C-alpha atoms as a PDB file:
ATOM      1  CA  MET A   1     222.865  75.938 -39.514  1.00  0.00           C
ATOM      2  CA  GLY A   2     222.106  74.206 -36.235  1.00  0.00           C
ATOM      3  CA  GLN A   3     223.132  77.402 -34.263  1.00  0.00           C
ATOM      4  CA  PHE A   4     220.847  79.666 -36.508  1.00  0.00           C
ATOM      5  CA  ILE A   5     217.887  77.067 -36.050  1.00  0.00           C
ATOM      6  CA  GLN A   6     218.632  77.299 -32.038  1.00  0.00           C
ATOM      7  CA  MET A   7     218.548  81.194 -32.441  1.00  0.00           C
ATOM      8  CA  LEU A   8     215.140  80.951 -34.459  1.00  0.00           C
ATOM      9  CA  GLN A   9     213.501  78.826 -31.016  1.00  0.00           C
ATOM     10  CA  ASP A  10     215.041  81.211 -28.619  1.00  0.00           C
ATOM     11  CA  ASN A  11     212.957  84.038 -27.145  1.00  0.00           C
ATOM     12  CA  THR A  12     215.000  86.823 -28.341  1.00  0.00           C
ATOM     13  CA  LEU A  13     214.617  90.172 -29.842  1.00  0.00           C
ATOM     14  CA  LEU A  14     216.048  88.900 -33.088  1.00  0.00           C
ATOM     15  CA  SER A  15     213.764  85.722 -33.304  1.00  0.00           C
ATOM     16  CA  ALA A  16     210.902  87.663 -32.674  1.00  0.00           C
ATOM     17  CA  VAL A  17     211.547  90.298 -35.325  1.00  0.00           C
ATOM     18  CA  ILE A  18     211.954  87.373 -37.854  1.00  0.00           C
ATOM     19  CA  ARG A  19     208.575  85.615 -36.607  1.00  0.00           C
ATOM     20  CA  LEU A  20     206.747  88.825 -37.048  1.00  0.00           C
ATOM     21  CA  LEU A  21     208.238  89.532 -40.571  1.00  0.00           C
ATOM     22  CA  LEU A  22     207.460  85.949 -41.756  1.00  0.00           C
ATOM     23  CA  SER A  23     204.080  86.386 -40.289  1.00  0.00           C
ATOM     24  CA  ALA A  24     203.690  89.483 -42.346  1.00  0.00           C
ATOM     25  CA  VAL A  25     204.863  87.582 -45.605  1.00  0.00           C
ATOM     26  CA  LEU A  26     202.617  84.686 -44.771  1.00  0.00           C
ATOM     27  CA  GLY A  27     199.371  86.627 -44.127  1.00  0.00           C
ATOM     28  CA  GLY A  28     200.487  88.776 -47.416  1.00  0.00           C
ATOM     29  CA  LEU A  29     200.345  85.815 -49.578  1.00  0.00           C
ATOM     30  CA  ILE A  30     197.127  84.451 -48.556  1.00  0.00           C
ATOM     31  CA  GLY A  31     195.471  87.862 -48.360  1.00  0.00           C
ATOM     32  CA  THR A  32     197.058  88.498 -52.019  1.00  0.00           C
ATOM     33  CA  GLU A  33     195.215  85.835 -53.232  1.00  0.00           C
ATOM     34  CA  ARG A  34     192.012  86.995 -51.798  1.00  0.00           C
ATOM     35  CA  ALA A  35     192.601  90.301 -53.124  1.00  0.00           C
ATOM     36  CA  ALA A  36     193.047  88.727 -56.661  1.00  0.00           C
ATOM     37  CA  ARG A  37     189.306  87.382 -56.481  1.00  0.00           C
ATOM     38  CA  GLY A  38     187.839  90.735 -55.176  1.00  0.00           C
ATOM     39  CA  ARG A  39     187.094  89.652 -51.840  1.00  0.00           C
ATOM     40  CA  ALA A  40     186.944  92.537 -49.174  1.00  0.00           C
ATOM     41  CA  ALA A  41     189.532  91.213 -46.841  1.00  0.00           C
ATOM     42  CA  GLY A  42     192.708  91.511 -48.834  1.00  0.00           C
ATOM     43  CA  MET A  43     196.326  91.544 -48.378  1.00  0.00           C
ATOM     44  CA  ARG A  44     196.540  94.198 -45.693  1.00  0.00           C
ATOM     45  CA  THR A  45     193.920  92.579 -43.508  1.00  0.00           C
ATOM     46  CA  HIS A  46     195.453  89.266 -43.643  1.00  0.00           C
ATOM     47  CA  ILE A  47     198.969  90.727 -42.895  1.00  0.00           C
ATOM     48  CA  LEU A  48     197.400  92.502 -39.893  1.00  0.00           C
ATOM     49  CA  VAL A  49     195.619  89.317 -38.688  1.00  0.00           C
ATOM     50  CA  CYS A  50     198.775  87.227 -39.000  1.00  0.00           C
ATOM     51  CA  ILE A  51     200.926  90.052 -37.412  1.00  0.00           C
ATOM     52  CA  GLY A  52     198.168  90.746 -34.459  1.00  0.00           C
ATOM     53  CA  ALA A  53     198.114  86.812 -33.725  1.00  0.00           C
ATOM     54  CA  ALA A  54     201.983  86.421 -33.587  1.00  0.00           C
ATOM     55  CA  MET A  55     202.191  89.544 -31.327  1.00  0.00           C
ATOM     56  CA  THR A  56     199.782  87.896 -28.850  1.00  0.00           C
ATOM     57  CA  ALA A  57     201.733  84.667 -28.745  1.00  0.00           C
ATOM     58  CA  LEU A  58     204.958  86.691 -28.327  1.00  0.00           C
ATOM     59  CA  VAL A  59     203.718  88.906 -25.594  1.00  0.00           C
ATOM     60  CA  GLY A  60     202.719  85.602 -23.542  1.00  0.00           C
ATOM     61  CA  LEU A  61     206.034  84.086 -24.149  1.00  0.00           C
ATOM     62  CA  TYR A  62     207.723  87.457 -23.015  1.00  0.00           C
ATOM     63  CA  ALA A  63     205.560  87.447 -19.832  1.00  0.00           C
ATOM     64  CA  THR A  64     206.688  84.244 -18.872  1.00  0.00           C
ATOM     65  CA  ASP A  65     210.130  83.707 -20.104  1.00  0.00           C
ATOM     66  CA  THR A  66     211.383  87.360 -19.837  1.00  0.00           C
ATOM     67  CA  MET A  67     209.263  88.680 -16.818  1.00  0.00           C
ATOM     68  CA  GLY A  68     209.186  85.346 -15.216  1.00  0.00           C
ATOM     69  CA  LEU A  69     205.105  85.556 -14.501  1.00  0.00           C
ATOM     70  CA  ASP A  70     203.561  82.438 -13.435  1.00  0.00           C
ATOM     71  CA  SER A  71     200.945  82.290 -16.081  1.00  0.00           C
ATOM     72  CA  ASP A  72     199.845  80.144 -19.053  1.00  0.00           C
ATOM     73  CA  PRO A  73     202.054  82.113 -21.945  1.00  0.00           C
ATOM     74  CA  LEU A  74     199.150  80.808 -24.508  1.00  0.00           C
ATOM     75  CA  ARG A  75     196.020  82.292 -22.216  1.00  0.00           C
ATOM     76  CA  VAL A  76     195.848  85.651 -24.231  1.00  0.00           C
ATOM     77  CA  SER A  77     196.464  83.920 -27.711  1.00  0.00           C
ATOM     78  CA  ALA A  78     193.436  81.559 -27.227  1.00  0.00           C
ATOM     79  CA  GLN A  79     191.106  84.503 -27.165  1.00  0.00           C
ATOM     80  CA  VAL A  80     192.366  85.030 -30.691  1.00  0.00           C
ATOM     81  CA  ILE A  81     190.971  82.091 -32.169  1.00  0.00           C
ATOM     82  CA  SER A  82     187.271  83.039 -30.694  1.00  0.00           C
ATOM     83  CA  GLY A  83     187.861  87.118 -31.244  1.00  0.00           C
ATOM     84  CA  ILE A  84     189.006  86.644 -34.858  1.00  0.00           C
ATOM     85  CA  GLY A  85     185.144  85.399 -35.446  1.00  0.00           C
ATOM     86  CA  PHE A  86     183.894  88.956 -35.041  1.00  0.00           C
ATOM     87  CA  LEU A  87     185.986  90.106 -37.790  1.00  0.00           C
ATOM     88  CA  GLY A  88     185.111  86.971 -39.892  1.00  0.00           C
ATOM     89  CA  GLY A  89     181.831  87.347 -39.498  1.00  0.00           C
ATOM     90  CA  GLY A  90     181.718  90.783 -40.688  1.00  0.00           C
ATOM     91  CA  MET A  91     182.937  89.179 -44.336  1.00  0.00           C
ATOM     92  CA  ILE A  92     179.865  86.857 -44.552  1.00  0.00           C
ATOM     93  CA  LEU A  93     177.225  88.587 -46.684  1.00  0.00           C
ATOM     94  CA  VAL A  94     173.773  87.151 -47.780  1.00  0.00           C
ATOM     95  CA  ARG A  95     172.876  88.379 -51.040  1.00  0.00           C
ATOM     96  CA  GLY A  96     169.273  88.219 -52.435  1.00  0.00           C
ATOM     97  CA  ARG A  97     168.230  85.733 -49.741  1.00  0.00           C
ATOM     98  CA  THR A  98     169.711  83.060 -51.455  1.00  0.00           C
ATOM     99  CA  HIS A  99     173.420  83.414 -52.042  1.00  0.00           C
ATOM    100  CA  ILE A 100     175.852  83.331 -49.105  1.00  0.00           C
ATOM    101  CA  THR A 101     179.108  84.680 -49.771  1.00  0.00           C
ATOM    102  CA  GLY A 102     182.312  85.265 -47.869  1.00  0.00           C
ATOM    103  CA  LEU A 103     182.551  81.964 -45.948  1.00  0.00           C
ATOM    104  CA  THR A 104     185.901  80.934 -47.445  1.00  0.00           C
ATOM    105  CA  THR A 105     187.299  84.470 -46.679  1.00  0.00           C
ATOM    106  CA  ALA A 106     186.020  84.255 -42.980  1.00  0.00           C
ATOM    107  CA  ALA A 107     187.673  80.538 -42.469  1.00  0.00           C
ATOM    108  CA  GLY A 108     190.751  81.936 -44.357  1.00  0.00           C
ATOM    109  CA  LEU A 109     191.124  84.862 -41.835  1.00  0.00           C
ATOM    110  CA  TRP A 110     190.704  82.353 -38.905  1.00  0.00           C
ATOM    111  CA  THR A 111     193.130  80.077 -40.346  1.00  0.00           C
ATOM    112  CA  THR A 112     195.447  83.200 -40.958  1.00  0.00           C
ATOM    113  CA  ALA A 113     195.240  83.908 -37.205  1.00  0.00           C
ATOM    114  CA  ALA A 114     196.093  80.290 -36.476  1.00  0.00           C
ATOM    115  CA  ILE A 115     199.198  80.890 -38.353  1.00  0.00           C
ATOM    116  CA  GLY A 116     200.364  83.746 -36.780  1.00  0.00           C
ATOM    117  CA  LEU A 117     200.086  82.071 -33.719  1.00  0.00           C
ATOM    118  CA  ALA A 118     202.086  78.989 -34.666  1.00  0.00           C
ATOM    119  CA  MET A 119     204.846  81.550 -36.002  1.00  0.00           C
ATOM    120  CA  GLY A 120     204.585  83.670 -32.891  1.00  0.00           C
ATOM    121  CA  ILE A 121     205.661  80.713 -30.574  1.00  0.00           C
ATOM    122  CA  GLY A 122     208.068  79.548 -32.955  1.00  0.00           C
ATOM    123  CA  PHE A 123     206.345  76.811 -34.612  1.00  0.00           C
ATOM    124  CA  TYR A 124     207.753  77.394 -38.070  1.00  0.00           C
ATOM    125  CA  SER A 125     207.120  74.186 -39.655  1.00  0.00           C
ATOM    126  CA  ALA A 126     203.358  74.333 -38.869  1.00  0.00           C
ATOM    127  CA  ALA A 127     203.049  77.819 -39.930  1.00  0.00           C
ATOM    128  CA  LEU A 128     204.500  77.272 -43.358  1.00  0.00           C
ATOM    129  CA  ILE A 129     203.042  74.084 -43.869  1.00  0.00           C
ATOM    130  CA  GLY A 130     199.594  75.872 -42.926  1.00  0.00           C
ATOM    131  CA  ALA A 131     200.011  78.889 -45.255  1.00  0.00           C
ATOM    132  CA  ALA A 132     200.839  76.520 -48.338  1.00  0.00           C
ATOM    133  CA  LEU A 133     197.785  74.259 -47.636  1.00  0.00           C
ATOM    134  CA  VAL A 134     195.559  77.543 -47.452  1.00  0.00           C
ATOM    135  CA  LEU A 135     196.858  78.991 -50.647  1.00  0.00           C
ATOM    136  CA  VAL A 136     196.495  75.283 -52.316  1.00  0.00           C
ATOM    137  CA  THR A 137     192.711  75.298 -50.981  1.00  0.00           C
ATOM    138  CA  ASN A 138     192.147  78.589 -52.200  1.00  0.00           C
ATOM    139  CA  ILE A 139     193.502  78.287 -55.664  1.00  0.00           C
ATOM    140  CA  VAL A 140     193.553  74.518 -56.705  1.00  0.00           C
ATOM    141  CA  LEU A 141     189.911  73.536 -55.235  1.00  0.00           C
ATOM    142  CA  PRO A 142     187.892  76.509 -56.857  1.00  0.00           C
ATOM    143  CA  PRO A 143     188.153  75.305 -60.215  1.00  0.00           C
ATOM    144  CA  LEU A 144     187.437  71.611 -59.291  1.00  0.00           C
ATOM    145  CA  GLU A 145     184.247  72.800 -57.429  1.00  0.00           C
ATOM    146  CA  GLN A 146     182.980  74.667 -60.403  1.00  0.00           C
ATOM    147  CA  SER A 147     183.853  71.769 -62.781  1.00  0.00           C
ATOM    148  CA  ARG A 148     181.865  69.347 -60.716  1.00  0.00           C
ATOM    149  CA  LYS A 149     178.787  70.750 -58.218  1.00  0.00           C
ATOM    150  CA  LEU A 150     179.027  69.055 -54.843  1.00  0.00           C
ATOM    151  CA  THR A 151     175.304  70.315 -53.874  1.00  0.00           C
ATOM    152  CA  ARG A 152     172.162  70.560 -55.630  1.00  0.00           C
ATOM    153  CA  ASP A 153     170.823  73.872 -56.979  1.00  0.00           C
ATOM    154  CA  VAL A 154     167.272  74.869 -57.093  1.00  0.00           C
ATOM    155  CA  LEU A 155     165.578  77.754 -58.749  1.00  0.00           C
ATOM    156  CA  TYR A 156     162.445  79.423 -57.907  1.00  0.00           C
ATOM    157  CA  ALA A 157     160.635  80.698 -61.079  1.00  0.00           C
ATOM    158  CA  GLU A 158     157.035  82.522 -61.099  1.00  0.00           C
ATOM    159  CA  LEU A 159     154.804  82.639 -64.125  1.00  0.00           C
ATOM    160  CA  ASP A 160     152.247  84.965 -64.550  1.00  0.00           C
ATOM    161  CA  ASP A 161     150.182  82.678 -66.627  1.00  0.00           C
ATOM    162  CA  ALA A 162     149.479  78.918 -65.810  1.00  0.00           C
ATOM    163  CA  GLN A 163     148.535  78.076 -69.553  1.00  0.00           C
ATOM    164  CA  ALA A 164     152.299  78.784 -70.288  1.00  0.00           C
ATOM    165  CA  VAL A 165     153.571  76.450 -67.565  1.00  0.00           C
ATOM    166  CA  ASN A 166     153.715  73.413 -70.034  1.00  0.00           C
ATOM    167  CA  GLY A 167     155.775  75.333 -72.715  1.00  0.00           C
ATOM    168  CA  PHE A 168     158.092  77.052 -69.873  1.00  0.00           C
ATOM    169  CA  LEU A 169     158.657  73.381 -68.744  1.00  0.00           C
ATOM    170  CA  ASP A 170     159.503  71.958 -72.318  1.00  0.00           C
ATOM    171  CA  HIS A 171     161.875  74.733 -72.715  1.00  0.00           C
ATOM    172  CA  SER A 172     163.617  74.315 -69.292  1.00  0.00           C
ATOM    173  CA  LYS A 173     164.110  70.230 -70.250  1.00  0.00           C
ATOM    174  CA  ALA A 174     165.450  70.970 -73.646  1.00  0.00           C
ATOM    175  CA  ALA A 175     167.566  74.120 -72.731  1.00  0.00           C
ATOM    176  CA  TYR A 176     168.815  73.315 -69.595  1.00  0.00           C
ATOM    177  CA  GLU A 177     168.059  69.387 -68.942  1.00  0.00           C
ATOM    178  CA  ILE A 178     166.089  70.005 -65.856  1.00  0.00           C
ATOM    179  CA  GLU A 179     163.932  67.032 -65.165  1.00  0.00           C
ATOM    180  CA  VAL A 180     162.753  67.505 -61.489  1.00  0.00           C
ATOM    181  CA  VAL A 181     160.236  70.506 -61.051  1.00  0.00           C
ATOM    182  CA  ARG A 182     157.756  71.099 -58.283  1.00  0.00           C
ATOM    183  CA  VAL A 183     154.737  73.030 -58.293  1.00  0.00           C
ATOM    184  CA  VAL A 184     154.348  75.393 -55.506  1.00  0.00           C
ATOM    185  CA  ALA A 185     152.240  78.339 -53.738  1.00  0.00           C
ATOM    186  CA  ALA A 186     153.260  81.336 -55.960  1.00  0.00           C
ATOM    187  CA  ARG A 187     155.270  83.562 -53.481  1.00  0.00           C
ATOM    188  CA  SER A 188     153.820  86.794 -54.646  1.00  0.00           C
ATOM    189  CA  GLY A 189     150.369  85.945 -53.786  1.00  0.00           C
ATOM    190  CA  LEU A 190     149.074  87.290 -57.080  1.00  0.00           C
ATOM    191  CA  THR A 191     145.819  85.606 -58.521  1.00  0.00           C
ATOM    192  CA  GLY A 192     146.772  83.524 -61.636  1.00  0.00           C
ATOM    193  CA  HIS A 193     150.365  83.170 -60.934  1.00  0.00           C
ATOM    194  CA  VAL A 194     152.188  79.857 -60.677  1.00  0.00           C
ATOM    195  CA  GLY A 195     155.242  79.064 -58.450  1.00  0.00           C
ATOM    196  CA  LEU A 196     157.781  76.461 -59.775  1.00  0.00           C
ATOM    197  CA  GLU A 197     160.780  74.754 -57.979  1.00  0.00           C
ATOM    198  CA  LEU A 198     163.484  73.470 -60.461  1.00  0.00           C
ATOM    199  CA  GLU A 199     166.284  71.091 -59.744  1.00  0.00           C
ATOM    200  CA  VAL A 200     169.471  72.141 -61.537  1.00  0.00           C
ATOM    201  CA  PRO A 201     171.291  68.957 -62.457  1.00  0.00           C
ATOM    202  CA  ALA A 202     174.310  68.032 -60.659  1.00  0.00           C
ATOM    203  CA  ASP A 203     176.359  67.238 -63.753  1.00  0.00           C
ATOM    204  CA  SER A 204     174.747  70.660 -65.478  1.00  0.00           C
ATOM    205  CA  ARG A 205     177.698  72.269 -67.547  1.00  0.00           C
ATOM    206  CA  ARG A 206     175.957  75.617 -67.321  1.00  0.00           C
ATOM    207  CA  LYS A 207     176.173  77.870 -64.096  1.00  0.00           C
ATOM    208  CA  THR A 208     173.260  78.087 -62.009  1.00  0.00           C
ATOM    209  CA  GLU A 209     173.510  82.027 -62.138  1.00  0.00           C
ATOM    210  CA  GLU A 210     173.514  81.787 -66.100  1.00  0.00           C
ATOM    211  CA  ILE A 211     170.474  79.552 -66.138  1.00  0.00           C
ATOM    212  CA  CYS A 212     168.462  81.812 -63.503  1.00  0.00           C
ATOM    213  CA  THR A 213     169.357  84.967 -65.607  1.00  0.00           C
ATOM    214  CA  GLU A 214     168.095  83.614 -68.950  1.00  0.00           C
ATOM    215  CA  ILE A 215     164.983  82.152 -67.181  1.00  0.00           C
ATOM    216  CA  ARG A 216     164.112  85.798 -66.080  1.00  0.00           C
ATOM    217  CA  GLY A 217     164.151  86.922 -69.698  1.00  0.00           C
ATOM    218  CA  LEU A 218     161.406  83.930 -70.933  1.00  0.00           C
ATOM    219  CA  PRO A 219     157.867  85.254 -71.636  1.00  0.00           C
ATOM    220  CA  HIS A 220     155.457  85.030 -68.948  1.00  0.00           C
ATOM    221  CA  VAL A 221     158.254  84.553 -66.241  1.00  0.00           C
ATOM    222  CA  ALA A 222     157.442  87.389 -63.442  1.00  0.00           C
ATOM    223  CA  PHE A 223     160.665  86.975 -61.519  1.00  0.00           C
ATOM    224  CA  ALA A 224     163.336  84.286 -61.003  1.00  0.00           C
ATOM    225  CA  MET A 225     165.671  83.445 -58.003  1.00  0.00           C
ATOM    226  CA  GLU A 226     168.181  81.210 -56.719  1.00  0.00           C
ATOM    227  CA  GLN A 227     167.411  79.407 -53.352  1.00  0.00           C
ATOM    228  CA  SER A 228     169.567  76.944 -51.278  1.00  0.00           C
ATOM    229  CA  TYR A 229     168.808  73.697 -49.528  1.00  0.00           C
END
């Protein structure tokens, strides 16, 4: 057993193959979870990122240990951490000027690159633990976030009749338990329109998206949208 572990730590062709295969496996596990949630960066993307990061670490080790070059073996690998930001940036989308999606996937790609680097230099324990933590974070925490809101959600609704404001507020309080409402200038700029900002309670059992959809269908509601603070 000790000889096998020593073999994995040595910079040999066999250890390089094992590191690349494990990088593919760990990247694939993380990517499979993302693909199951319908994210753009799925299994193949995460596998390639993890393998590519491991390759840069292996190249650095080969340059110093095998070729005898006098350089920092992690100099090339260090650029992966910053360079992966360009790929992660493509995962972040702003939808409807109010919703930002893809942040978790972008962060996951960045972390997958770090896992690949750890695997490439033979830091197996850190790579395995890191991959496990990423999977736990992506699988276990989302239901907890949905069951308890950690940030306040605000809806903007615009009514086309000022006389309908009171009835709209009564309905919002009774149906959605919305207590905090601010009257603001109508964003459309149309005469007679009234703008309202409604704070969804942090302990609301209804999803903000569902509330917004229902509000759009109410009488005298010109339009409604979510906005972030």
